[in-house]
Amino acid sequence: MGFARAAISVFCMIAACCAQSGPPQHAAEKPREPRSATAKQTPQCASHHTFTSPSLKREMGYCIILPAEYERSPRRYPVLYLLHGLYGSENDWQALTSVGTYVRGMPLVVVMPEGDDSWYSNSVAEPSNRYEDYLFHDVVEEIEAHYRVTKSRQGRFLAGLSMGGYAALKGATKYPELFMAVGSFSASLRSHEDDGRWITTTLAFGKQGSATRRGNDVFLLLAKADITTLPYVFQSVGEQDDLQPVNRRFAQMMRDLGVTYEYCELPGRHEWPVWDTSLRLFLDSLVRHKLLPAS
């Protein structure tokens, strides 16, 4: 599977968005204290599992969607790792979007891992909270050890919203050997420019201007990446989202560097209808570019 490496810039103007059939609108994330990593939410998804993360040295949860024919088929399936946002949980995607409907009939396993409020990064303030190692090593190894999935880059995809959208771009630029394509929805890319009011970013990245902040800045990671190795990037953001300008900046940087990408702006703010539509468009793009079979 593959396609010519060329920059693609697409503005997706979808007038109806999710107003007709999507989930109800929810307020944008507000600054608040981080949720405790030990305060587990009651699983809401149909298939919830836990495993012991070697990096975190504690139990972590994930929701998983398997193809309907999984038990009857000997094939190995590609897998999409779908990340939640700040103050969210592994239950969010199934509770607040139509992900189950979108992947019905597709030969795809969807894994929604627990990420707490970690920015999916190895914490500077709390060194035992190695969430980057957990996501990019432990979660992948857990799924590939216990499910019949493709154990190669060609069968791995990564996507997420807000904090998870940031992590998806980090995965694309820092771990390009792991993923064939990534989807970044309303990525929170200003975490390295904040003035210290966001407790979660200080815990994850350290003080403003520090080497650890710079080391987690996806703009800097993109600048030093080998462009020829990067996965296909699908990026979206709401037209009224405060994060629209910084997402446009990242898309322009990808264009200037010659990254293979697609960029969409959708009606809406930092909210679930935008992310629901973004997921559907991302899956459509994978099929369109022949990175994922439709059935």
Protein backbone atom coordinates (compact mmCIF):
# COMPACT_ATOMS: atom_id res chain seq x y z
CA MET A 1 0.00 0.00 0.00
CA GLY A 2 1.27 3.46 -0.78
CA PHE A 3 0.89 6.63 -2.77
CA ALA A 4 3.04 9.35 -4.24
CA ARG A 5 4.69 11.60 -1.66
CA ALA A 6 3.34 15.07 -2.35
CA ALA A 7 1.88 17.78 -0.18
CA ILE A 8 -1.90 17.82 -0.14
CA SER A 9 -3.73 20.77 1.37
CA VAL A 10 -7.49 20.35 1.48
CA PHE A 11 -10.01 22.60 3.19
CA CYS A 12 -13.07 20.47 3.92
CA MET A 13 -16.11 22.71 4.14
CA ILE A 14 -18.95 20.58 5.47
CA ALA A 15 -21.94 22.81 6.05
CA ALA A 16 -24.06 20.34 7.98
CA CYS A 17 -21.20 19.02 10.14
CA CYS A 18 -22.73 16.59 12.67
CA ALA A 19 -25.85 18.60 13.38
CA GLN A 20 -28.18 16.15 11.63
CA SER A 21 -27.02 12.82 12.97
CA GLY A 22 -23.96 13.31 15.18
CA PRO A 23 -23.72 13.33 18.97
CA PRO A 24 -24.83 16.40 20.98
CA GLN A 25 -22.44 19.29 21.41
CA HIS A 26 -20.31 19.46 24.54
CA ALA A 27 -18.47 22.39 26.05
CA ALA A 28 -14.80 22.90 25.27
CA GLU A 29 -12.24 21.77 27.80
CA LYS A 30 -11.66 24.18 30.69
CA PRO A 31 -8.47 24.51 32.77
CA ARG A 32 -8.67 22.56 36.02
CA GLU A 33 -6.64 20.32 38.27
CA PRO A 34 -5.47 17.07 36.64
CA ARG A 35 -7.43 13.93 37.37
CA SER A 36 -5.55 11.51 39.59
CA ALA A 37 -3.97 8.63 37.71
CA THR A 38 -5.37 6.30 40.36
CA ALA A 39 -8.94 7.61 40.16
CA LYS A 40 -10.25 5.18 37.57
CA GLN A 41 -13.58 5.81 35.88
CA THR A 42 -16.13 3.03 35.60
CA PRO A 43 -15.69 1.43 32.15
CA GLN A 44 -18.53 2.34 29.80
CA CYS A 45 -17.36 0.68 26.60
CA ALA A 46 -18.59 -2.75 25.60
CA SER A 47 -15.15 -4.38 25.65
CA HIS A 48 -12.85 -3.00 28.35
CA HIS A 49 -9.56 -4.60 29.38
CA THR A 50 -6.66 -3.84 31.69
CA PHE A 51 -3.00 -4.76 31.66
CA THR A 52 0.05 -3.96 33.73
CA SER A 53 2.17 -1.32 32.02
CA PRO A 54 5.90 -2.02 32.51
CA SER A 55 6.65 1.67 32.05
CA LEU A 56 4.08 2.92 34.57
CA LYS A 57 4.18 -0.16 36.82
CA ARG A 58 0.42 -0.13 37.32
CA GLU A 59 -2.80 -1.30 35.74
CA MET A 60 -4.01 0.68 32.75
CA GLY A 61 -7.22 0.28 30.80
CA TYR A 62 -8.25 0.29 27.18
CA CYS A 63 -11.41 -0.15 25.16
CA ILE A 64 -11.27 -2.21 22.01
CA ILE A 65 -13.49 -2.77 18.98
CA LEU A 66 -12.92 -5.97 17.00
CA PRO A 67 -14.26 -6.67 13.51
CA ALA A 68 -17.47 -8.72 13.49
CA GLU A 69 -15.70 -11.62 11.76
CA TYR A 70 -12.64 -11.55 14.03
CA GLU A 71 -13.41 -14.90 15.76
CA ARG A 72 -14.18 -16.62 12.46
CA SER A 73 -11.26 -15.34 10.42
CA PRO A 74 -7.57 -16.32 10.57
CA ARG A 75 -6.42 -12.99 9.10
CA ARG A 76 -4.37 -10.37 10.88
CA TYR A 77 -5.99 -6.96 11.07
CA PRO A 78 -4.60 -3.44 10.94
CA VAL A 79 -5.10 -1.49 14.15
CA LEU A 80 -6.01 2.12 14.92
CA TYR A 81 -4.89 3.55 18.25
CA LEU A 82 -7.41 6.27 19.09
CA LEU A 83 -6.45 8.74 21.82
CA HIS A 84 -8.68 10.80 24.11
CA GLY A 85 -8.16 14.42 25.15
CA LEU A 86 -7.26 16.19 28.37
CA TYR A 87 -9.59 15.30 31.29
CA GLY A 88 -10.98 12.46 29.18
CA SER A 89 -10.82 8.67 29.39
CA GLU A 90 -10.63 5.57 27.24
CA ASN A 91 -14.44 5.48 27.23
CA ASP A 92 -14.92 8.81 25.44
CA TRP A 93 -14.75 7.82 21.80
CA GLN A 94 -17.44 5.15 22.08
CA ALA A 95 -19.60 7.22 24.41
CA LEU A 96 -19.50 10.46 22.41
CA THR A 97 -18.94 9.55 18.75
CA SER A 98 -20.16 7.10 16.13
CA VAL A 99 -16.85 5.24 15.94
CA GLY A 100 -18.61 1.88 16.15
CA THR A 101 -20.76 2.75 13.16
CA TYR A 102 -17.88 4.14 11.13
CA VAL A 103 -15.71 1.02 11.46
CA ARG A 104 -18.55 -1.49 11.10
CA GLY A 105 -17.66 -3.74 8.19
CA MET A 106 -14.08 -2.50 8.05
CA PRO A 107 -11.21 -4.95 8.60
CA LEU A 108 -9.86 -2.83 11.45
CA VAL A 109 -9.21 -3.21 15.18
CA VAL A 110 -9.68 0.01 17.16
CA VAL A 111 -7.88 0.44 20.48
CA MET A 112 -8.72 3.37 22.78
CA PRO A 113 -6.12 3.45 25.57
CA GLU A 114 -6.31 5.22 28.90
CA GLY A 115 -4.00 8.24 28.96
CA ASP A 116 -5.04 10.23 32.05
CA ASP A 117 -3.98 13.90 31.79
CA SER A 118 -0.43 13.01 30.81
CA TRP A 119 -0.05 14.57 27.35
CA TYR A 120 1.11 11.04 26.51
CA SER A 121 4.59 12.18 27.55
CA ASN A 122 7.19 11.10 30.07
CA SER A 123 6.59 13.46 32.97
CA VAL A 124 9.35 15.82 34.01
CA ALA A 125 7.83 16.50 37.44
CA GLU A 126 6.94 12.86 38.17
CA PRO A 127 9.59 10.64 36.51
CA SER A 128 7.65 7.45 37.29
CA ASN A 129 4.85 8.64 34.98
CA ARG A 130 6.41 7.48 31.72
CA TYR A 131 3.32 7.84 29.56
CA GLU A 132 5.21 8.25 26.30
CA ASP A 133 6.93 4.90 26.82
CA TYR A 134 3.58 3.44 27.89
CA LEU A 135 1.79 4.56 24.71
CA PHE A 136 4.42 3.96 22.07
CA HIS A 137 5.82 0.75 23.54
CA ASP A 138 3.63 -0.91 26.19
CA VAL A 139 0.23 -0.41 24.54
CA VAL A 140 1.47 -1.53 21.12
CA GLU A 141 3.18 -4.57 22.62
CA GLU A 142 0.07 -5.47 24.66
CA ILE A 143 -2.18 -5.41 21.61
CA GLU A 144 0.24 -7.25 19.34
CA ALA A 145 0.81 -9.93 21.98
CA HIS A 146 -2.87 -10.64 22.65
CA TYR A 147 -4.73 -9.86 19.43
CA ARG A 148 -4.40 -11.02 15.85
CA VAL A 149 -3.19 -7.75 14.38
CA THR A 150 -0.58 -6.75 11.83
CA LYS A 151 2.79 -6.36 13.55
CA SER A 152 4.30 -3.84 11.19
CA ARG A 153 4.14 -0.16 10.31
CA GLN A 154 1.85 -0.91 7.35
CA GLY A 155 -0.86 -2.07 9.74
CA ARG A 156 -0.64 0.61 12.44
CA PHE A 157 -2.52 3.91 12.55
CA LEU A 158 -2.67 6.56 15.27
CA ALA A 159 -5.21 9.33 15.83
CA GLY A 160 -6.45 11.53 18.63
CA LEU A 161 -8.24 14.69 19.67
CA SER A 162 -6.81 17.79 21.37
CA MET A 163 -4.17 16.40 23.78
CA GLY A 164 -4.42 13.16 21.79
CA GLY A 165 -4.06 15.13 18.55
CA TYR A 166 -0.80 16.53 19.88
CA ALA A 167 0.35 12.99 20.72
CA ALA A 168 -0.55 11.80 17.23
CA LEU A 169 1.71 14.44 15.67
CA LYS A 170 4.40 13.59 18.19
CA GLY A 171 4.10 9.96 17.11
CA ALA A 172 4.38 10.96 13.47
CA THR A 173 7.50 13.07 13.97
CA LYS A 174 9.29 11.13 16.72
CA TYR A 175 8.25 7.54 15.96
CA PRO A 176 7.64 7.53 12.18
CA GLU A 177 8.77 3.91 11.96
CA LEU A 178 5.72 2.80 13.98
CA PHE A 179 2.78 4.23 12.01
CA MET A 180 1.62 4.30 8.40
CA ALA A 181 -0.71 7.25 8.97
CA VAL A 182 -1.80 9.54 11.79
CA GLY A 183 -4.88 11.66 12.35
CA SER A 184 -4.66 14.82 14.43
CA PHE A 185 -7.98 16.44 15.36
CA SER A 186 -7.97 19.92 16.96
CA ALA A 187 -4.46 19.30 18.25
CA SER A 188 -3.47 21.28 21.30
CA LEU A 189 -0.17 22.60 19.97
CA ARG A 190 0.20 25.65 22.22
CA SER A 191 1.26 23.69 25.29
CA HIS A 192 4.86 24.82 24.81
CA GLU A 193 3.85 28.49 24.67
CA ASP A 194 1.70 28.64 27.82
CA ASP A 195 2.52 30.91 30.74
CA GLY A 196 2.44 28.25 33.45
CA ARG A 197 -1.28 28.33 34.20
CA TRP A 198 -1.79 24.85 32.84
CA ILE A 199 -0.72 22.48 35.60
CA THR A 200 -0.80 19.43 33.36
CA THR A 201 1.69 20.86 30.86
CA THR A 202 4.09 21.91 33.61
CA LEU A 203 3.95 18.42 35.11
CA ALA A 204 4.52 16.81 31.72
CA PHE A 205 7.02 19.14 30.07
CA GLY A 206 8.64 21.18 32.83
CA LYS A 207 9.10 24.94 32.97
CA GLN A 208 8.54 27.25 30.05
CA GLY A 209 11.71 27.59 27.96
CA SER A 210 13.30 24.44 29.34
CA ALA A 211 15.10 21.81 27.28
CA THR A 212 12.32 19.33 28.04
CA ARG A 213 9.72 21.75 26.68
CA ARG A 214 11.70 22.12 23.50
CA GLY A 215 12.19 18.36 23.30
CA ASN A 216 8.41 17.86 23.24
CA ASP A 217 7.62 20.66 20.79
CA VAL A 218 6.18 19.06 17.64
CA PHE A 219 7.24 22.03 15.50
CA LEU A 220 10.86 21.40 16.47
CA LEU A 221 10.42 17.64 16.10
CA LEU A 222 9.06 18.18 12.59
CA ALA A 223 11.89 20.57 11.71
CA LYS A 224 14.55 17.96 12.45
CA ALA A 225 12.65 14.91 11.13
CA ASP A 226 13.62 13.00 8.01
CA ILE A 227 10.65 13.96 5.87
CA THR A 228 11.01 10.90 3.66
CA THR A 229 10.22 8.63 6.62
CA LEU A 230 7.13 10.41 7.94
CA PRO A 231 3.68 8.79 7.79
CA TYR A 232 0.75 10.34 6.00
CA VAL A 233 -0.81 13.03 8.21
CA PHE A 234 -4.50 13.92 8.31
CA GLN A 235 -5.04 17.15 10.28
CA SER A 236 -8.32 18.86 11.13
CA VAL A 237 -9.59 21.67 13.35
CA GLY A 238 -12.82 23.61 13.91
CA GLU A 239 -13.18 26.91 12.09
CA GLN A 240 -14.12 28.63 15.37
CA ASP A 241 -11.59 26.77 17.52
CA ASP A 242 -9.03 28.94 19.35
CA LEU A 243 -6.48 26.37 18.23
CA GLN A 244 -7.16 27.01 14.54
CA PRO A 245 -4.22 29.44 14.03
CA VAL A 246 -1.59 27.13 15.52
CA ASN A 247 -2.95 24.16 13.57
CA ARG A 248 -2.77 26.23 10.38
CA ARG A 249 0.85 27.03 11.22
CA PHE A 250 1.68 23.35 11.56
CA ALA A 251 -0.09 22.51 8.29
CA GLN A 252 1.82 25.29 6.51
CA MET A 253 5.08 23.96 7.91
CA MET A 254 4.24 20.49 6.59
CA ARG A 255 3.46 22.01 3.20
CA ASP A 256 6.73 23.94 3.14
CA LEU A 257 8.73 20.82 4.02
CA GLY A 258 6.95 18.57 1.52
CA VAL A 259 5.19 16.28 4.00
CA THR A 260 2.36 14.16 2.61
CA TYR A 261 -0.66 15.53 4.46
CA GLU A 262 -4.28 16.57 4.26
CA TYR A 263 -5.68 19.53 6.18
CA CYS A 264 -9.37 20.17 6.88
CA GLU A 265 -11.22 22.96 8.66
CA LEU A 266 -14.71 22.03 9.82
CA PRO A 267 -17.59 24.13 11.14
CA GLY A 268 -17.45 24.23 14.92
CA ARG A 269 -15.33 24.91 17.97
CA HIS A 270 -13.31 22.62 20.26
CA GLU A 271 -16.12 20.08 20.53
CA TRP A 272 -17.27 16.54 19.87
CA PRO A 273 -19.15 17.10 16.59
CA VAL A 274 -15.88 18.28 15.04
CA TRP A 275 -14.01 15.24 16.34
CA ASP A 276 -16.76 12.84 15.26
CA THR A 277 -16.65 14.21 11.72
CA SER A 278 -12.86 14.27 11.76
CA LEU A 279 -12.70 10.59 12.61
CA ARG A 280 -15.05 9.71 9.77
CA LEU A 281 -13.04 11.80 7.29
CA PHE A 282 -9.77 10.30 8.52
CA LEU A 283 -11.05 6.76 7.99
CA ASP A 284 -12.34 7.77 4.55
CA SER A 285 -8.93 9.19 3.68
CA LEU A 286 -7.18 5.95 4.66
CA VAL A 287 -9.43 4.02 2.29
CA ARG A 288 -9.12 6.66 -0.43
CA HIS A 289 -5.32 6.53 -0.29
CA LYS A 290 -5.40 2.72 -0.23
CA LEU A 291 -3.74 2.59 3.18
CA LEU A 292 -6.70 0.62 4.55
CA PRO A 293 -9.10 -1.68 2.68
CA ALA A 294 -12.75 -0.67 2.80
CA SER A 295 -13.87 -4.24 3.63
